[in-house]
N, C-alpha and C. Protein backbone atom coordinates (compact mmCIF):
# COMPACT_ATOMS: atom_id res chain seq x y z
N UNK A 1 -0.22 11.43 -32.10
CA UNK A 1 0.53 10.59 -31.18
C UNK A 1 -0.22 10.52 -29.84
N UNK A 2 -0.46 9.31 -29.39
CA UNK A 2 -1.16 9.13 -28.11
C UNK A 2 -0.21 9.38 -26.95
N UNK A 3 -0.74 9.97 -25.90
CA UNK A 3 0.11 10.18 -24.72
C UNK A 3 0.20 8.88 -23.93
N UNK A 4 1.28 8.72 -23.23
CA UNK A 4 1.49 7.53 -22.40
C UNK A 4 0.63 7.65 -21.14
N UNK A 5 0.07 6.52 -20.71
CA UNK A 5 -0.75 6.52 -19.50
C UNK A 5 0.12 6.71 -18.27
N UNK A 6 -0.42 7.41 -17.28
CA UNK A 6 0.27 7.52 -16.00
C UNK A 6 0.16 6.18 -15.27
N UNK A 7 0.93 6.02 -14.21
CA UNK A 7 0.86 4.79 -13.40
C UNK A 7 -0.56 4.55 -12.90
N UNK A 8 -1.19 5.60 -12.38
CA UNK A 8 -2.53 5.43 -11.81
C UNK A 8 -3.57 5.14 -12.90
N UNK A 9 -3.37 5.68 -14.09
CA UNK A 9 -4.28 5.36 -15.19
C UNK A 9 -4.09 3.91 -15.65
N UNK A 10 -2.85 3.46 -15.74
CA UNK A 10 -2.57 2.06 -16.10
C UNK A 10 -3.17 1.11 -15.08
N UNK A 11 -3.00 1.45 -13.80
CA UNK A 11 -3.57 0.63 -12.73
C UNK A 11 -5.09 0.59 -12.86
N UNK A 12 -5.70 1.74 -13.07
CA UNK A 12 -7.16 1.81 -13.21
C UNK A 12 -7.67 0.96 -14.36
N UNK A 13 -6.98 1.00 -15.48
CA UNK A 13 -7.39 0.18 -16.62
C UNK A 13 -7.33 -1.31 -16.28
N UNK A 14 -6.25 -1.72 -15.62
CA UNK A 14 -6.10 -3.13 -15.24
C UNK A 14 -7.18 -3.56 -14.25
N UNK A 15 -7.42 -2.75 -13.24
CA UNK A 15 -8.43 -3.08 -12.24
C UNK A 15 -9.81 -3.14 -12.87
N UNK A 16 -10.11 -2.19 -13.72
CA UNK A 16 -11.41 -2.16 -14.40
C UNK A 16 -11.56 -3.40 -15.29
N UNK A 17 -10.53 -3.70 -16.07
CA UNK A 17 -10.55 -4.85 -16.99
C UNK A 17 -10.75 -6.15 -16.21
N UNK A 18 -10.13 -6.25 -15.03
CA UNK A 18 -10.19 -7.47 -14.23
C UNK A 18 -11.34 -7.47 -13.23
N UNK A 19 -12.18 -6.43 -13.29
CA UNK A 19 -13.30 -6.31 -12.34
C UNK A 19 -12.80 -6.46 -10.90
N UNK A 20 -11.73 -5.78 -10.59
CA UNK A 20 -11.09 -5.90 -9.28
C UNK A 20 -11.12 -4.56 -8.56
N UNK A 21 -11.02 -4.64 -7.24
CA UNK A 21 -11.00 -3.43 -6.43
C UNK A 21 -9.79 -3.45 -5.50
N UNK A 22 -9.45 -2.27 -4.99
CA UNK A 22 -8.31 -2.13 -4.09
C UNK A 22 -8.68 -1.20 -2.94
N UNK A 23 -8.08 -1.49 -1.78
CA UNK A 23 -8.18 -0.62 -0.61
C UNK A 23 -6.77 -0.40 -0.10
N UNK A 24 -6.54 0.73 0.56
CA UNK A 24 -5.20 1.06 1.02
C UNK A 24 -5.17 1.34 2.52
N UNK A 25 -4.08 0.92 3.15
CA UNK A 25 -3.78 1.24 4.54
C UNK A 25 -2.42 1.93 4.52
N UNK A 26 -2.40 3.18 4.92
CA UNK A 26 -1.18 3.96 4.79
C UNK A 26 -0.73 4.54 6.12
N UNK A 27 0.57 4.47 6.34
CA UNK A 27 1.15 5.12 7.49
C UNK A 27 2.02 6.27 7.01
N UNK A 28 3.25 5.99 6.61
CA UNK A 28 4.19 7.08 6.26
C UNK A 28 3.76 7.89 5.05
N UNK A 29 2.94 7.33 4.19
CA UNK A 29 2.49 8.06 3.00
C UNK A 29 1.28 8.95 3.29
N UNK A 30 0.65 8.78 4.42
CA UNK A 30 -0.39 9.70 4.88
C UNK A 30 -1.55 9.91 3.92
N UNK A 31 -1.88 8.92 3.12
CA UNK A 31 -3.01 9.05 2.21
C UNK A 31 -2.63 9.33 0.76
N UNK A 32 -1.34 9.43 0.48
CA UNK A 32 -0.90 9.77 -0.88
C UNK A 32 -1.17 8.66 -1.89
N UNK A 33 -1.13 7.40 -1.46
CA UNK A 33 -1.43 6.30 -2.39
C UNK A 33 -2.89 6.40 -2.83
N UNK A 34 -3.79 6.55 -1.87
CA UNK A 34 -5.20 6.69 -2.18
C UNK A 34 -5.47 7.93 -3.03
N UNK A 35 -4.79 9.02 -2.71
CA UNK A 35 -4.97 10.26 -3.48
C UNK A 35 -4.54 10.06 -4.92
N UNK A 36 -3.44 9.39 -5.10
CA UNK A 36 -2.92 9.17 -6.47
C UNK A 36 -3.87 8.28 -7.26
N UNK A 37 -4.40 7.23 -6.63
CA UNK A 37 -5.34 6.33 -7.32
C UNK A 37 -6.60 7.10 -7.70
N UNK A 38 -7.08 7.95 -6.79
CA UNK A 38 -8.34 8.67 -7.04
C UNK A 38 -8.15 9.93 -7.88
N UNK A 39 -6.93 10.21 -8.32
CA UNK A 39 -6.70 11.28 -9.27
C UNK A 39 -7.34 10.96 -10.62
N UNK A 40 -7.65 9.68 -10.84
CA UNK A 40 -8.22 9.23 -12.11
C UNK A 40 -9.75 9.31 -12.03
N UNK A 41 -10.35 10.01 -12.98
CA UNK A 41 -11.81 10.07 -13.04
C UNK A 41 -12.38 8.67 -13.19
N UNK A 42 -13.42 8.37 -12.44
CA UNK A 42 -14.04 7.05 -12.51
C UNK A 42 -13.41 6.02 -11.60
N UNK A 43 -12.45 6.43 -10.78
CA UNK A 43 -11.75 5.48 -9.91
C UNK A 43 -12.67 4.87 -8.85
N UNK A 44 -13.85 5.45 -8.66
CA UNK A 44 -14.79 4.86 -7.70
C UNK A 44 -15.26 3.47 -8.15
N UNK A 45 -15.02 3.13 -9.40
CA UNK A 45 -15.36 1.79 -9.90
C UNK A 45 -14.47 0.71 -9.30
N UNK A 46 -13.25 1.08 -8.87
CA UNK A 46 -12.30 0.07 -8.39
C UNK A 46 -11.59 0.45 -7.09
N UNK A 47 -11.74 1.68 -6.62
CA UNK A 47 -11.12 2.07 -5.35
C UNK A 47 -12.15 1.99 -4.25
N UNK A 48 -11.95 1.05 -3.31
CA UNK A 48 -12.91 0.83 -2.24
C UNK A 48 -12.79 1.86 -1.12
N UNK A 49 -11.57 2.27 -0.80
CA UNK A 49 -11.35 3.23 0.27
C UNK A 49 -10.01 3.00 0.93
N UNK A 50 -9.80 3.73 2.01
CA UNK A 50 -8.51 3.62 2.68
C UNK A 50 -8.56 4.06 4.13
N UNK A 51 -7.51 3.69 4.82
CA UNK A 51 -7.34 4.07 6.22
C UNK A 51 -5.93 4.63 6.38
N UNK A 52 -5.84 5.82 6.94
CA UNK A 52 -4.54 6.38 7.28
C UNK A 52 -4.27 5.95 8.71
N UNK A 53 -3.40 4.97 8.83
CA UNK A 53 -3.12 4.36 10.14
C UNK A 53 -1.75 4.83 10.62
N UNK A 54 -1.68 6.08 10.98
CA UNK A 54 -0.42 6.67 11.40
C UNK A 54 -0.01 6.18 12.79
N UNK A 55 -0.97 6.01 13.67
CA UNK A 55 -0.66 5.56 15.03
C UNK A 55 -0.81 4.04 15.14
N UNK A 56 -0.08 3.47 16.08
CA UNK A 56 -0.20 2.03 16.33
C UNK A 56 -1.61 1.66 16.77
N UNK A 57 -2.26 2.54 17.53
CA UNK A 57 -3.61 2.27 18.01
C UNK A 57 -4.57 2.07 16.84
N UNK A 58 -4.43 2.88 15.80
CA UNK A 58 -5.29 2.74 14.63
C UNK A 58 -4.94 1.47 13.87
N UNK A 59 -3.66 1.15 13.77
CA UNK A 59 -3.25 -0.09 13.11
C UNK A 59 -3.90 -1.29 13.81
N UNK A 60 -3.92 -1.26 15.13
CA UNK A 60 -4.50 -2.37 15.91
C UNK A 60 -6.02 -2.39 15.76
N UNK A 61 -6.65 -1.26 16.04
CA UNK A 61 -8.12 -1.19 16.09
C UNK A 61 -8.78 -1.33 14.72
N UNK A 62 -8.26 -0.67 13.72
CA UNK A 62 -8.92 -0.61 12.42
C UNK A 62 -8.45 -1.68 11.43
N UNK A 63 -7.22 -2.17 11.63
CA UNK A 63 -6.65 -3.10 10.65
C UNK A 63 -6.35 -4.48 11.21
N UNK A 64 -6.49 -4.63 12.51
CA UNK A 64 -6.24 -5.93 13.12
C UNK A 64 -4.78 -6.29 13.26
N UNK A 65 -3.90 -5.28 13.26
CA UNK A 65 -2.48 -5.56 13.46
C UNK A 65 -2.28 -6.03 14.89
N UNK A 66 -1.51 -7.06 15.04
CA UNK A 66 -1.26 -7.69 16.34
C UNK A 66 -0.38 -6.82 17.24
N UNK A 67 -0.82 -6.65 18.48
CA UNK A 67 -0.05 -5.92 19.48
C UNK A 67 1.31 -6.58 19.66
N UNK A 68 1.32 -7.89 19.66
CA UNK A 68 2.56 -8.66 19.85
C UNK A 68 3.54 -8.42 18.69
N UNK A 69 3.01 -8.38 17.47
CA UNK A 69 3.88 -8.12 16.31
C UNK A 69 4.49 -6.73 16.39
N UNK A 70 3.67 -5.77 16.76
CA UNK A 70 4.17 -4.40 16.90
C UNK A 70 5.28 -4.34 17.96
N UNK A 71 5.07 -5.02 19.08
CA UNK A 71 6.06 -5.02 20.15
C UNK A 71 7.35 -5.72 19.72
N UNK A 72 7.20 -6.82 19.00
CA UNK A 72 8.36 -7.63 18.61
C UNK A 72 9.14 -7.04 17.44
N UNK A 73 8.42 -6.53 16.42
CA UNK A 73 9.07 -6.10 15.19
C UNK A 73 9.06 -4.60 14.95
N UNK A 74 8.18 -3.88 15.65
CA UNK A 74 8.03 -2.45 15.42
C UNK A 74 7.06 -2.18 14.30
N UNK A 75 6.55 -0.96 14.24
CA UNK A 75 5.55 -0.59 13.24
C UNK A 75 6.10 -0.63 11.83
N UNK A 76 7.40 -0.37 11.69
CA UNK A 76 8.03 -0.39 10.37
C UNK A 76 8.69 -1.75 10.20
N UNK A 77 7.90 -2.70 9.67
CA UNK A 77 8.40 -4.07 9.53
C UNK A 77 7.57 -4.84 8.51
N UNK A 78 8.14 -5.93 8.05
CA UNK A 78 7.47 -6.82 7.11
C UNK A 78 6.16 -7.36 7.69
N UNK A 79 6.16 -7.92 8.92
CA UNK A 79 4.91 -8.48 9.42
C UNK A 79 3.80 -7.45 9.60
N UNK A 80 4.14 -6.22 9.96
CA UNK A 80 3.12 -5.19 10.13
C UNK A 80 2.57 -4.75 8.77
N UNK A 81 3.43 -4.57 7.78
CA UNK A 81 2.95 -4.23 6.43
C UNK A 81 2.03 -5.33 5.91
N UNK A 82 2.37 -6.57 6.19
CA UNK A 82 1.58 -7.73 5.78
C UNK A 82 0.18 -7.67 6.43
N UNK A 83 0.15 -7.46 7.75
CA UNK A 83 -1.15 -7.41 8.44
C UNK A 83 -1.96 -6.18 8.06
N UNK A 84 -1.30 -5.07 7.76
CA UNK A 84 -2.02 -3.88 7.30
C UNK A 84 -2.71 -4.17 5.96
N UNK A 85 -1.98 -4.79 5.04
CA UNK A 85 -2.53 -5.10 3.71
C UNK A 85 -3.69 -6.09 3.82
N UNK A 86 -3.50 -7.13 4.62
CA UNK A 86 -4.57 -8.12 4.81
C UNK A 86 -5.78 -7.49 5.49
N UNK A 87 -5.51 -6.70 6.52
CA UNK A 87 -6.59 -6.09 7.30
C UNK A 87 -7.44 -5.15 6.48
N UNK A 88 -6.81 -4.32 5.66
CA UNK A 88 -7.60 -3.35 4.86
C UNK A 88 -8.35 -4.07 3.74
N UNK A 89 -7.75 -5.11 3.18
CA UNK A 89 -8.45 -5.87 2.13
C UNK A 89 -9.72 -6.49 2.69
N UNK A 90 -9.60 -7.10 3.86
CA UNK A 90 -10.77 -7.74 4.48
C UNK A 90 -11.81 -6.71 4.92
N UNK A 91 -11.34 -5.63 5.50
CA UNK A 91 -12.26 -4.61 6.02
C UNK A 91 -13.12 -3.99 4.91
N UNK A 92 -12.51 -3.77 3.74
CA UNK A 92 -13.23 -3.14 2.64
C UNK A 92 -13.80 -4.15 1.65
N UNK A 93 -13.49 -5.44 1.83
CA UNK A 93 -14.00 -6.46 0.93
C UNK A 93 -13.48 -6.32 -0.49
N UNK A 94 -12.26 -5.84 -0.63
CA UNK A 94 -11.67 -5.63 -1.95
C UNK A 94 -10.82 -6.83 -2.36
N UNK A 95 -10.54 -6.94 -3.63
CA UNK A 95 -9.68 -8.03 -4.10
C UNK A 95 -8.25 -7.81 -3.60
N UNK A 96 -7.80 -6.56 -3.61
CA UNK A 96 -6.43 -6.25 -3.21
C UNK A 96 -6.40 -5.28 -2.04
N UNK A 97 -5.38 -5.43 -1.22
CA UNK A 97 -5.12 -4.49 -0.14
C UNK A 97 -3.65 -4.11 -0.17
N UNK A 98 -3.39 -2.83 0.02
CA UNK A 98 -2.01 -2.33 0.08
C UNK A 98 -1.78 -1.81 1.49
N UNK A 99 -0.66 -2.18 2.08
CA UNK A 99 -0.26 -1.65 3.38
C UNK A 99 1.11 -1.02 3.27
N UNK A 100 1.23 0.25 3.63
CA UNK A 100 2.51 0.96 3.53
C UNK A 100 2.90 1.48 4.91
N UNK A 101 4.10 1.11 5.34
CA UNK A 101 4.61 1.61 6.62
C UNK A 101 6.10 1.87 6.46
N UNK A 102 6.57 2.99 7.02
CA UNK A 102 7.98 3.31 6.84
C UNK A 102 8.42 4.50 7.66
N UNK A 103 9.67 4.86 7.43
CA UNK A 103 10.28 6.00 8.11
C UNK A 103 10.64 7.03 7.04
N UNK A 104 9.81 8.04 6.90
CA UNK A 104 10.02 9.05 5.86
C UNK A 104 11.11 10.04 6.23
N UNK A 105 11.39 10.18 7.53
CA UNK A 105 12.45 11.07 7.97
C UNK A 105 11.94 12.48 8.20
N UNK A 106 12.76 13.40 8.55
CA UNK A 106 14.21 13.24 8.63
C UNK A 106 14.70 12.51 9.88
N UNK A 107 13.87 12.40 10.91
CA UNK A 107 14.29 11.68 12.11
C UNK A 107 13.62 10.33 12.20
N UNK A 108 13.93 9.59 13.25
CA UNK A 108 13.25 8.34 13.52
C UNK A 108 13.96 7.09 13.02
N UNK A 109 15.02 7.26 12.26
CA UNK A 109 15.72 6.11 11.72
C UNK A 109 16.71 5.52 12.72
N UNK A 110 17.19 4.33 12.40
CA UNK A 110 18.21 3.66 13.20
C UNK A 110 19.16 2.96 12.25
N UNK A 111 20.18 2.31 12.80
CA UNK A 111 21.11 1.58 11.94
C UNK A 111 20.40 0.45 11.21
N UNK A 112 19.52 -0.26 11.92
CA UNK A 112 18.79 -1.38 11.33
C UNK A 112 17.71 -0.91 10.35
N UNK A 113 17.10 0.23 10.68
CA UNK A 113 16.04 0.79 9.83
C UNK A 113 16.31 2.28 9.63
N UNK A 114 17.18 2.60 8.65
CA UNK A 114 17.50 4.01 8.43
C UNK A 114 16.31 4.77 7.83
N UNK A 115 16.38 6.09 7.90
CA UNK A 115 15.36 6.91 7.25
C UNK A 115 15.29 6.49 5.79
N UNK A 116 14.08 6.40 5.28
CA UNK A 116 13.86 5.95 3.91
C UNK A 116 13.46 4.49 3.84
N UNK A 117 13.51 3.77 4.99
CA UNK A 117 13.09 2.36 5.01
C UNK A 117 11.57 2.30 4.93
N UNK A 118 11.07 1.54 3.97
CA UNK A 118 9.63 1.42 3.76
C UNK A 118 9.30 -0.04 3.44
N UNK A 119 8.23 -0.52 4.05
CA UNK A 119 7.70 -1.85 3.75
C UNK A 119 6.34 -1.66 3.09
N UNK A 120 6.15 -2.33 1.96
CA UNK A 120 4.88 -2.26 1.24
C UNK A 120 4.32 -3.66 1.12
N UNK A 121 3.16 -3.87 1.75
CA UNK A 121 2.47 -5.15 1.68
C UNK A 121 1.40 -5.10 0.63
N UNK A 122 1.23 -6.22 -0.06
CA UNK A 122 0.18 -6.33 -1.07
C UNK A 122 -0.54 -7.65 -0.85
N UNK A 123 -1.82 -7.56 -0.49
CA UNK A 123 -2.62 -8.74 -0.18
C UNK A 123 -3.67 -8.98 -1.25
N UNK A 124 -3.84 -10.25 -1.58
CA UNK A 124 -4.97 -10.69 -2.40
C UNK A 124 -5.60 -11.84 -1.61
N UNK A 125 -6.65 -12.41 -2.13
CA UNK A 125 -7.29 -13.53 -1.43
C UNK A 125 -6.36 -14.73 -1.34
N UNK A 126 -5.43 -14.84 -2.30
CA UNK A 126 -4.55 -16.01 -2.39
C UNK A 126 -3.22 -15.84 -1.70
N UNK A 127 -2.74 -14.62 -1.57
CA UNK A 127 -1.36 -14.43 -1.16
C UNK A 127 -1.14 -13.04 -0.57
N UNK A 128 -0.07 -12.92 0.20
CA UNK A 128 0.39 -11.62 0.68
C UNK A 128 1.89 -11.57 0.43
N UNK A 129 2.32 -10.51 -0.23
CA UNK A 129 3.76 -10.32 -0.43
C UNK A 129 4.15 -8.96 0.14
N UNK A 130 5.40 -8.86 0.55
CA UNK A 130 5.89 -7.61 1.13
C UNK A 130 7.24 -7.28 0.50
N UNK A 131 7.37 -6.02 0.10
CA UNK A 131 8.65 -5.54 -0.40
C UNK A 131 9.27 -4.59 0.61
N UNK A 132 10.58 -4.70 0.77
CA UNK A 132 11.33 -3.78 1.64
C UNK A 132 12.15 -2.87 0.74
N UNK A 133 12.07 -1.58 1.01
CA UNK A 133 12.77 -0.58 0.22
C UNK A 133 13.53 0.35 1.14
N UNK A 134 14.64 0.88 0.65
CA UNK A 134 15.33 1.97 1.34
C UNK A 134 15.50 3.07 0.31
N UNK A 135 14.65 4.09 0.42
CA UNK A 135 14.65 5.20 -0.53
C UNK A 135 15.56 6.31 -0.04
N UNK A 136 16.11 7.04 -0.99
CA UNK A 136 17.00 8.16 -0.68
C UNK A 136 16.23 9.47 -0.82
N UNK A 137 16.72 10.47 -0.14
CA UNK A 137 16.15 11.80 -0.30
C UNK A 137 15.46 12.29 0.95
N UNK A 138 14.82 13.45 0.79
CA UNK A 138 14.12 14.07 1.91
C UNK A 138 12.76 13.39 2.13
N UNK A 139 12.04 13.86 3.12
CA UNK A 139 10.75 13.27 3.50
C UNK A 139 9.77 13.19 2.32
N UNK A 140 9.65 14.27 1.59
CA UNK A 140 8.73 14.30 0.44
C UNK A 140 9.15 13.28 -0.61
N UNK A 141 10.43 13.22 -0.89
CA UNK A 141 10.95 12.29 -1.89
C UNK A 141 10.71 10.84 -1.48
N UNK A 142 10.94 10.52 -0.23
CA UNK A 142 10.71 9.15 0.27
C UNK A 142 9.23 8.79 0.13
N UNK A 143 8.37 9.70 0.48
CA UNK A 143 6.93 9.44 0.37
C UNK A 143 6.50 9.23 -1.08
N UNK A 144 6.99 10.06 -1.98
CA UNK A 144 6.64 9.93 -3.40
C UNK A 144 7.17 8.61 -3.97
N UNK A 145 8.40 8.27 -3.64
CA UNK A 145 8.96 7.00 -4.11
C UNK A 145 8.17 5.81 -3.57
N UNK A 146 7.67 5.93 -2.35
CA UNK A 146 6.86 4.87 -1.75
C UNK A 146 5.55 4.68 -2.52
N UNK A 147 4.92 5.78 -2.89
CA UNK A 147 3.67 5.73 -3.65
C UNK A 147 3.91 5.05 -5.00
N UNK A 148 4.96 5.47 -5.68
CA UNK A 148 5.27 4.89 -7.00
C UNK A 148 5.53 3.39 -6.86
N UNK A 149 6.30 3.00 -5.85
CA UNK A 149 6.59 1.57 -5.65
C UNK A 149 5.31 0.78 -5.38
N UNK A 150 4.41 1.34 -4.57
CA UNK A 150 3.15 0.66 -4.24
C UNK A 150 2.31 0.48 -5.51
N UNK A 151 2.20 1.51 -6.32
CA UNK A 151 1.42 1.42 -7.56
C UNK A 151 2.04 0.42 -8.52
N UNK A 152 3.36 0.44 -8.64
CA UNK A 152 4.04 -0.51 -9.53
C UNK A 152 3.86 -1.95 -9.07
N UNK A 153 3.93 -2.17 -7.76
CA UNK A 153 3.71 -3.53 -7.24
C UNK A 153 2.30 -4.02 -7.56
N UNK A 154 1.32 -3.16 -7.36
CA UNK A 154 -0.06 -3.55 -7.63
C UNK A 154 -0.28 -3.80 -9.12
N UNK A 155 0.29 -2.97 -9.96
CA UNK A 155 0.19 -3.18 -11.41
C UNK A 155 0.77 -4.54 -11.78
N UNK A 156 1.92 -4.86 -11.21
CA UNK A 156 2.58 -6.13 -11.50
C UNK A 156 1.70 -7.32 -11.11
N UNK A 157 1.10 -7.26 -9.93
CA UNK A 157 0.24 -8.35 -9.45
C UNK A 157 -1.03 -8.43 -10.31
N UNK A 158 -1.64 -7.29 -10.58
CA UNK A 158 -2.86 -7.27 -11.41
C UNK A 158 -2.59 -7.87 -12.78
N UNK A 159 -1.44 -7.52 -13.34
CA UNK A 159 -1.07 -8.02 -14.65
C UNK A 159 -0.91 -9.54 -14.63
N UNK A 160 -0.28 -10.06 -13.57
CA UNK A 160 -0.08 -11.51 -13.43
C UNK A 160 -1.39 -12.25 -13.21
N UNK A 161 -2.22 -11.71 -12.32
CA UNK A 161 -3.44 -12.41 -11.93
C UNK A 161 -4.53 -12.32 -12.99
N UNK A 162 -4.51 -11.28 -13.79
CA UNK A 162 -5.52 -11.13 -14.83
C UNK A 162 -6.91 -11.13 -14.26
N UNK A 163 -7.79 -11.87 -14.86
CA UNK A 163 -9.20 -11.85 -14.47
C UNK A 163 -9.59 -12.87 -13.43
N UNK A 164 -8.62 -13.51 -12.77
CA UNK A 164 -8.97 -14.49 -11.74
C UNK A 164 -9.84 -13.88 -10.67
N UNK A 165 -10.84 -14.59 -10.23
CA UNK A 165 -11.73 -14.08 -9.19
C UNK A 165 -11.10 -14.34 -7.83
N UNK A 166 -10.77 -13.26 -7.13
CA UNK A 166 -10.17 -13.42 -5.81
C UNK A 166 -10.80 -12.50 -4.79
N UNK A 167 -11.83 -11.80 -5.16
CA UNK A 167 -12.41 -10.83 -4.22
C UNK A 167 -13.27 -11.46 -3.19
């Protein structure tokens, strides 16, 4: 009986099959998305790299996130996740870019954005989509759920796009 592939193994197979690459920009996950992707041997074939953009200054300088967007919407927002994903994709020249920003907790939440609120942006050459999530649990649980959601989103897009050239 064959064992079932992990999320990161499934993603790796799809990226390899489609000759595609991915780069990550992470805030609340602190590098966990990149770590999970690179847990797979041979991931250097499709993982371009990543930026841990925990501070707004790094989001602005390294990813091209707009100062005005940060002021208007805050770091944990759809537009910032969108610009993080686009910025990292362009910076690394990859087909896909993932941008994750959120409030892992236990503090920092508000009524509008409670702890567990996470925005995940996914950029390709053709499109950028952003998902908003509100995860339950402690800081570690929120971060792990964010990683799983990011990998699942990328698998879904890779599966839809197939071998289209978008890099």
